[in-house]
Amino acid sequence: MPIDEAMENEQRLVSFANQRRNVEIPNAAPVLLHTDDLARHVAIAPNGKRYVVATYDDAVMGNPYKTTVFPQQGGYLTLVSLSVCSFASQTLEDAVQFHQKTVQIIQNGHLDELVRSSQG
C-alpha cells in the first residue's frame, strides 16, 4: 500500500473516531460500540422482545451512515445475520436522530410499522 493511501486511511479513522457520539436514550441500555459505530443501544419492545439498534459508518457499501435493527436472543446474543430492517442517512446528524427515533419506535411497540416503511 502506498504511503499516501495509508495516510489517507489513517486520517479517515481519526476523523471517524471524532464523530462518535455519546447518545443517551431514556430506558435504552448502551452497548459496547463496534469499530464503525456511531451509536448502539438495546431497545425493549412492550412485548418483552429485545432488539439492538446500531448506527454506523457504511461508506464502504456506498451509504454515508446506516441504522439497522437486529433481534437479540437470550438478553445477550445479537443476531447480526438476521437484521429486521435497515435505513440509510446522508448526514451524521440525521443518522443520530434516526437512531434515537428508531429506539423510541421499538419501545412504543411500533416496530412493525417501521419494518413496513422500510419495504415500500
N, C-alpha and C. Protein backbone atom coordinates (compact mmCIF):
# COMPACT_ATOMS: atom_id res chain seq x y z
N MET A 1 0.85 -1.17 0.00
CA MET A 1 0.00 0.00 0.00
C MET A 1 0.90 1.24 0.00
N PRO A 2 0.67 2.16 -0.94
CA PRO A 2 1.48 3.38 -0.98
C PRO A 2 1.28 4.21 0.29
N ILE A 3 2.31 4.96 0.65
CA ILE A 3 2.29 5.75 1.88
C ILE A 3 1.14 6.76 1.87
N ASP A 4 0.84 7.37 0.71
CA ASP A 4 -0.26 8.35 0.63
C ASP A 4 -1.60 7.71 0.96
N GLU A 5 -1.81 6.50 0.44
CA GLU A 5 -3.06 5.79 0.69
C GLU A 5 -3.17 5.39 2.16
N ALA A 6 -2.08 4.95 2.75
CA ALA A 6 -2.07 4.59 4.17
C ALA A 6 -2.37 5.80 5.04
N MET A 7 -1.81 6.95 4.70
CA MET A 7 -2.06 8.18 5.48
C MET A 7 -3.52 8.59 5.35
N GLU A 8 -4.08 8.45 4.14
CA GLU A 8 -5.48 8.80 3.91
C GLU A 8 -6.40 7.92 4.76
N ASN A 9 -6.13 6.62 4.80
CA ASN A 9 -6.92 5.69 5.61
C ASN A 9 -6.82 6.03 7.08
N GLU A 10 -5.62 6.36 7.54
CA GLU A 10 -5.42 6.70 8.95
C GLU A 10 -6.17 7.99 9.29
N GLN A 11 -6.13 8.97 8.41
CA GLN A 11 -6.84 10.23 8.66
C GLN A 11 -8.34 9.98 8.71
N ARG A 12 -8.86 9.11 7.87
CA ARG A 12 -10.29 8.80 7.88
C ARG A 12 -10.68 8.16 9.21
N LEU A 13 -9.85 7.25 9.73
CA LEU A 13 -10.13 6.60 11.01
C LEU A 13 -10.12 7.61 12.15
N VAL A 14 -9.16 8.52 12.15
CA VAL A 14 -9.09 9.54 13.20
C VAL A 14 -10.31 10.44 13.10
N SER A 15 -10.67 10.83 11.89
CA SER A 15 -11.84 11.67 11.67
C SER A 15 -13.10 10.97 12.17
N PHE A 16 -13.22 9.68 11.86
CA PHE A 16 -14.41 8.93 12.28
C PHE A 16 -14.46 8.80 13.80
N ALA A 17 -13.34 8.57 14.44
CA ALA A 17 -13.31 8.44 15.90
C ALA A 17 -13.82 9.72 16.55
N ASN A 18 -13.55 10.85 15.94
CA ASN A 18 -14.02 12.12 16.48
C ASN A 18 -15.51 12.32 16.26
N GLN A 19 -16.13 11.57 15.36
CA GLN A 19 -17.56 11.70 15.07
C GLN A 19 -18.42 10.91 16.05
N ARG A 20 -17.86 9.94 16.71
CA ARG A 20 -18.66 9.11 17.62
C ARG A 20 -19.39 9.99 18.62
N ARG A 21 -20.58 9.60 18.92
CA ARG A 21 -21.41 10.40 19.81
C ARG A 21 -21.73 9.62 21.07
N ASN A 22 -21.89 10.36 22.14
CA ASN A 22 -22.38 9.76 23.37
C ASN A 22 -23.89 9.96 23.35
N VAL A 23 -24.58 9.07 22.69
CA VAL A 23 -26.02 9.18 22.51
C VAL A 23 -26.71 8.52 23.69
N GLU A 24 -27.47 9.31 24.43
CA GLU A 24 -28.21 8.78 25.57
C GLU A 24 -29.69 8.75 25.23
N ILE A 25 -30.32 7.61 25.49
CA ILE A 25 -31.74 7.43 25.22
C ILE A 25 -32.38 6.86 26.48
N PRO A 26 -33.44 7.52 26.97
CA PRO A 26 -34.10 7.01 28.19
C PRO A 26 -34.56 5.56 28.03
N ASN A 27 -34.30 4.75 29.05
CA ASN A 27 -34.72 3.34 29.10
C ASN A 27 -34.12 2.47 28.01
N ALA A 28 -32.99 2.90 27.45
CA ALA A 28 -32.29 2.08 26.44
C ALA A 28 -30.84 1.93 26.87
N ALA A 29 -30.44 0.70 27.11
CA ALA A 29 -29.07 0.45 27.55
C ALA A 29 -28.09 0.58 26.40
N PRO A 30 -27.00 1.33 26.60
CA PRO A 30 -25.98 1.39 25.55
C PRO A 30 -25.24 0.05 25.48
N VAL A 31 -24.73 -0.24 24.31
CA VAL A 31 -23.99 -1.48 24.08
C VAL A 31 -22.59 -1.09 23.63
N LEU A 32 -21.62 -1.92 23.93
CA LEU A 32 -20.25 -1.66 23.51
C LEU A 32 -20.21 -1.38 22.01
N LEU A 33 -19.59 -0.27 21.64
CA LEU A 33 -19.54 0.12 20.23
C LEU A 33 -18.58 -0.76 19.44
N HIS A 34 -18.94 -1.05 18.22
CA HIS A 34 -18.06 -1.74 17.29
C HIS A 34 -17.23 -0.69 16.56
N THR A 35 -16.29 -1.09 15.77
CA THR A 35 -15.34 -0.19 15.13
C THR A 35 -16.00 0.97 14.38
N ASP A 36 -17.01 0.71 13.56
CA ASP A 36 -17.60 1.75 12.73
C ASP A 36 -18.85 2.38 13.34
N ASP A 37 -19.19 2.05 14.57
CA ASP A 37 -20.43 2.53 15.18
C ASP A 37 -20.39 4.00 15.59
N LEU A 38 -21.53 4.65 15.39
CA LEU A 38 -21.78 5.96 15.97
C LEU A 38 -22.53 5.80 17.28
N ALA A 39 -23.47 4.85 17.29
CA ALA A 39 -24.28 4.57 18.48
C ALA A 39 -24.82 3.15 18.38
N ARG A 40 -25.06 2.55 19.56
CA ARG A 40 -25.60 1.18 19.62
C ARG A 40 -26.32 1.04 20.95
N HIS A 41 -27.61 0.68 20.89
CA HIS A 41 -28.43 0.56 22.10
C HIS A 41 -29.32 -0.68 22.03
N VAL A 42 -29.71 -1.17 23.22
CA VAL A 42 -30.71 -2.22 23.32
C VAL A 42 -32.05 -1.54 23.54
N ALA A 43 -33.02 -1.89 22.70
CA ALA A 43 -34.39 -1.37 22.84
C ALA A 43 -35.29 -2.56 23.16
N ILE A 44 -36.12 -2.39 24.18
CA ILE A 44 -37.03 -3.46 24.59
C ILE A 44 -38.45 -3.05 24.23
N ALA A 45 -39.10 -3.88 23.41
CA ALA A 45 -40.48 -3.63 22.99
C ALA A 45 -41.42 -3.95 24.15
N PRO A 46 -42.64 -3.42 24.12
CA PRO A 46 -43.61 -3.70 25.19
C PRO A 46 -43.90 -5.19 25.39
N ASN A 47 -43.73 -6.01 24.33
CA ASN A 47 -43.97 -7.45 24.46
C ASN A 47 -42.76 -8.19 25.04
N GLY A 48 -41.70 -7.44 25.42
CA GLY A 48 -40.53 -8.03 26.04
C GLY A 48 -39.42 -8.43 25.07
N LYS A 49 -39.69 -8.37 23.78
CA LYS A 49 -38.65 -8.70 22.81
C LYS A 49 -37.59 -7.61 22.82
N ARG A 50 -36.34 -8.06 22.65
CA ARG A 50 -35.20 -7.14 22.70
C ARG A 50 -34.57 -7.01 21.33
N TYR A 51 -34.16 -5.79 21.02
CA TYR A 51 -33.52 -5.50 19.73
C TYR A 51 -32.30 -4.62 19.97
N VAL A 52 -31.29 -4.78 19.13
CA VAL A 52 -30.14 -3.89 19.15
C VAL A 52 -30.28 -2.96 17.95
N VAL A 53 -30.23 -1.67 18.24
CA VAL A 53 -30.27 -0.65 17.18
C VAL A 53 -28.83 -0.15 17.04
N ALA A 54 -28.28 -0.32 15.85
CA ALA A 54 -26.90 0.09 15.59
C ALA A 54 -26.88 1.11 14.46
N THR A 55 -26.18 2.21 14.69
CA THR A 55 -25.99 3.22 13.64
C THR A 55 -24.49 3.32 13.42
N TYR A 56 -24.10 3.18 12.15
CA TYR A 56 -22.68 3.05 11.86
C TYR A 56 -22.33 3.67 10.52
N ASP A 57 -21.04 3.87 10.32
CA ASP A 57 -20.49 4.39 9.07
C ASP A 57 -20.55 3.26 8.05
N ASP A 58 -21.25 3.51 6.95
CA ASP A 58 -21.42 2.47 5.92
C ASP A 58 -20.85 2.91 4.58
N ALA A 59 -19.86 3.80 4.62
CA ALA A 59 -19.29 4.34 3.39
C ALA A 59 -18.72 3.26 2.47
N VAL A 60 -18.24 2.19 3.06
CA VAL A 60 -17.68 1.09 2.26
C VAL A 60 -18.74 0.51 1.33
N MET A 61 -19.99 0.50 1.79
CA MET A 61 -21.08 -0.05 0.98
C MET A 61 -21.84 1.02 0.19
N GLY A 62 -21.35 2.26 0.24
CA GLY A 62 -21.93 3.31 -0.60
C GLY A 62 -22.92 4.22 0.10
N ASN A 63 -23.22 3.98 1.36
CA ASN A 63 -24.11 4.87 2.12
C ASN A 63 -23.27 5.56 3.19
N PRO A 64 -23.45 6.87 3.37
CA PRO A 64 -22.66 7.51 4.42
C PRO A 64 -22.88 6.89 5.80
N TYR A 65 -24.16 6.71 6.19
CA TYR A 65 -24.47 6.13 7.51
C TYR A 65 -25.66 5.20 7.36
N LYS A 66 -25.70 4.20 8.23
CA LYS A 66 -26.81 3.24 8.19
C LYS A 66 -27.26 2.93 9.61
N THR A 67 -28.58 2.81 9.79
CA THR A 67 -29.16 2.38 11.05
C THR A 67 -29.84 1.04 10.80
N THR A 68 -29.47 0.03 11.58
CA THR A 68 -30.00 -1.31 11.40
C THR A 68 -30.52 -1.83 12.73
N VAL A 69 -31.65 -2.55 12.66
CA VAL A 69 -32.24 -3.17 13.84
C VAL A 69 -31.98 -4.67 13.77
N PHE A 70 -31.39 -5.21 14.84
CA PHE A 70 -31.09 -6.63 14.93
C PHE A 70 -31.86 -7.23 16.11
N PRO A 71 -32.41 -8.43 15.97
CA PRO A 71 -33.04 -9.08 17.12
C PRO A 71 -31.96 -9.52 18.12
N GLN A 72 -32.35 -9.57 19.38
CA GLN A 72 -31.43 -10.05 20.41
C GLN A 72 -32.08 -11.27 21.07
N GLN A 73 -31.28 -12.29 21.30
CA GLN A 73 -31.80 -13.54 21.86
C GLN A 73 -31.13 -13.81 23.20
N GLY A 74 -31.92 -14.20 24.16
CA GLY A 74 -31.38 -14.57 25.47
C GLY A 74 -30.81 -13.38 26.24
N GLY A 75 -31.14 -12.16 25.82
CA GLY A 75 -30.67 -10.99 26.53
C GLY A 75 -29.22 -10.64 26.29
N TYR A 76 -28.55 -11.35 25.40
CA TYR A 76 -27.13 -11.04 25.18
C TYR A 76 -26.66 -11.33 23.75
N LEU A 77 -27.30 -12.22 23.01
CA LEU A 77 -26.82 -12.64 21.71
C LEU A 77 -27.49 -11.82 20.61
N THR A 78 -26.73 -10.97 19.95
CA THR A 78 -27.27 -10.16 18.86
C THR A 78 -27.17 -10.95 17.57
N LEU A 79 -28.31 -11.15 16.92
CA LEU A 79 -28.36 -11.96 15.70
C LEU A 79 -28.11 -11.07 14.48
N VAL A 80 -26.84 -10.76 14.23
CA VAL A 80 -26.47 -9.81 13.19
C VAL A 80 -26.80 -10.28 11.78
N SER A 81 -26.91 -11.56 11.57
CA SER A 81 -27.22 -12.05 10.23
C SER A 81 -28.72 -12.03 9.94
N LEU A 82 -29.53 -11.63 10.93
CA LEU A 82 -30.99 -11.61 10.76
C LEU A 82 -31.55 -10.20 10.97
N SER A 83 -31.00 -9.22 10.29
CA SER A 83 -31.47 -7.85 10.53
C SER A 83 -32.96 -7.74 10.24
N VAL A 84 -33.65 -6.95 11.07
CA VAL A 84 -35.09 -6.74 10.94
C VAL A 84 -35.37 -5.70 9.87
N CYS A 85 -34.63 -4.60 9.89
CA CYS A 85 -34.76 -3.54 8.89
C CYS A 85 -33.52 -2.67 8.95
N SER A 86 -33.35 -1.88 7.89
CA SER A 86 -32.16 -1.04 7.79
C SER A 86 -32.50 0.22 7.00
N PHE A 87 -31.91 1.34 7.40
CA PHE A 87 -32.18 2.63 6.76
C PHE A 87 -30.88 3.39 6.58
N ALA A 88 -30.75 4.11 5.46
CA ALA A 88 -29.57 4.92 5.19
C ALA A 88 -29.85 6.37 5.56
N SER A 89 -28.81 7.07 6.01
CA SER A 89 -28.87 8.50 6.29
C SER A 89 -27.70 9.17 5.58
N GLN A 90 -27.91 10.37 5.13
CA GLN A 90 -26.87 11.08 4.39
C GLN A 90 -25.93 11.89 5.28
N THR A 91 -26.41 12.33 6.45
CA THR A 91 -25.57 13.14 7.33
C THR A 91 -25.46 12.50 8.71
N LEU A 92 -24.44 12.90 9.42
CA LEU A 92 -24.21 12.39 10.77
C LEU A 92 -25.37 12.76 11.69
N GLU A 93 -25.82 14.00 11.62
CA GLU A 93 -26.93 14.45 12.47
C GLU A 93 -28.20 13.67 12.18
N ASP A 94 -28.52 13.47 10.90
CA ASP A 94 -29.71 12.69 10.53
C ASP A 94 -29.61 11.26 11.07
N ALA A 95 -28.43 10.69 10.97
CA ALA A 95 -28.22 9.31 11.43
C ALA A 95 -28.45 9.19 12.93
N VAL A 96 -27.92 10.12 13.70
CA VAL A 96 -28.07 10.07 15.16
C VAL A 96 -29.54 10.30 15.54
N GLN A 97 -30.21 11.24 14.88
CA GLN A 97 -31.62 11.49 15.17
C GLN A 97 -32.47 10.27 14.81
N PHE A 98 -32.18 9.65 13.67
CA PHE A 98 -32.94 8.47 13.27
C PHE A 98 -32.69 7.31 14.24
N HIS A 99 -31.48 7.18 14.72
CA HIS A 99 -31.14 6.15 15.71
C HIS A 99 -32.03 6.32 16.96
N GLN A 100 -32.09 7.54 17.47
CA GLN A 100 -32.90 7.82 18.66
C GLN A 100 -34.37 7.53 18.38
N LYS A 101 -34.85 7.96 17.23
CA LYS A 101 -36.25 7.75 16.86
C LYS A 101 -36.56 6.25 16.74
N THR A 102 -35.65 5.49 16.17
CA THR A 102 -35.85 4.05 15.99
C THR A 102 -35.98 3.34 17.34
N VAL A 103 -35.11 3.69 18.28
CA VAL A 103 -35.20 3.10 19.62
C VAL A 103 -36.55 3.42 20.25
N GLN A 104 -37.00 4.65 20.14
CA GLN A 104 -38.29 5.05 20.71
C GLN A 104 -39.45 4.34 20.03
N ILE A 105 -39.37 4.15 18.72
CA ILE A 105 -40.41 3.43 17.98
C ILE A 105 -40.53 2.00 18.52
N ILE A 106 -39.40 1.34 18.73
CA ILE A 106 -39.41 -0.02 19.27
C ILE A 106 -39.98 -0.02 20.68
N GLN A 107 -39.54 0.91 21.51
CA GLN A 107 -40.03 0.98 22.89
C GLN A 107 -41.54 1.22 22.96
N ASN A 108 -42.08 1.91 21.96
CA ASN A 108 -43.51 2.19 21.92
C ASN A 108 -44.33 1.10 21.23
N GLY A 109 -43.66 0.04 20.78
CA GLY A 109 -44.37 -1.09 20.19
C GLY A 109 -44.77 -0.93 18.74
N HIS A 110 -44.05 -0.08 18.00
CA HIS A 110 -44.42 0.19 16.61
C HIS A 110 -43.36 -0.30 15.61
N LEU A 111 -42.61 -1.33 15.98
CA LEU A 111 -41.57 -1.84 15.08
C LEU A 111 -42.17 -2.34 13.78
N ASP A 112 -43.35 -2.97 13.82
CA ASP A 112 -43.97 -3.47 12.59
C ASP A 112 -44.18 -2.35 11.57
N GLU A 113 -44.61 -1.18 12.04
CA GLU A 113 -44.82 -0.04 11.13
C GLU A 113 -43.50 0.41 10.52
N LEU A 114 -42.44 0.41 11.32
CA LEU A 114 -41.11 0.79 10.82
C LEU A 114 -40.64 -0.19 9.76
N VAL A 115 -40.86 -1.48 10.01
CA VAL A 115 -40.45 -2.51 9.04
C VAL A 115 -41.22 -2.33 7.74
N ARG A 116 -42.53 -2.07 7.84
CA ARG A 116 -43.33 -1.85 6.62
C ARG A 116 -42.82 -0.64 5.84
N SER A 117 -42.44 0.42 6.54
CA SER A 117 -41.95 1.62 5.85
C SER A 117 -40.61 1.36 5.15
N SER A 118 -39.85 0.40 5.66
CA SER A 118 -38.55 0.09 5.04
C SER A 118 -38.72 -0.74 3.77
N GLN A 119 -39.87 -1.37 3.63
CA GLN A 119 -40.11 -2.24 2.47
C GLN A 119 -40.80 -1.54 1.32
N GLY A 120 -41.30 -0.37 1.54
CA GLY A 120 -42.03 0.25 0.46
C GLY A 120 -41.80 1.67 0.39
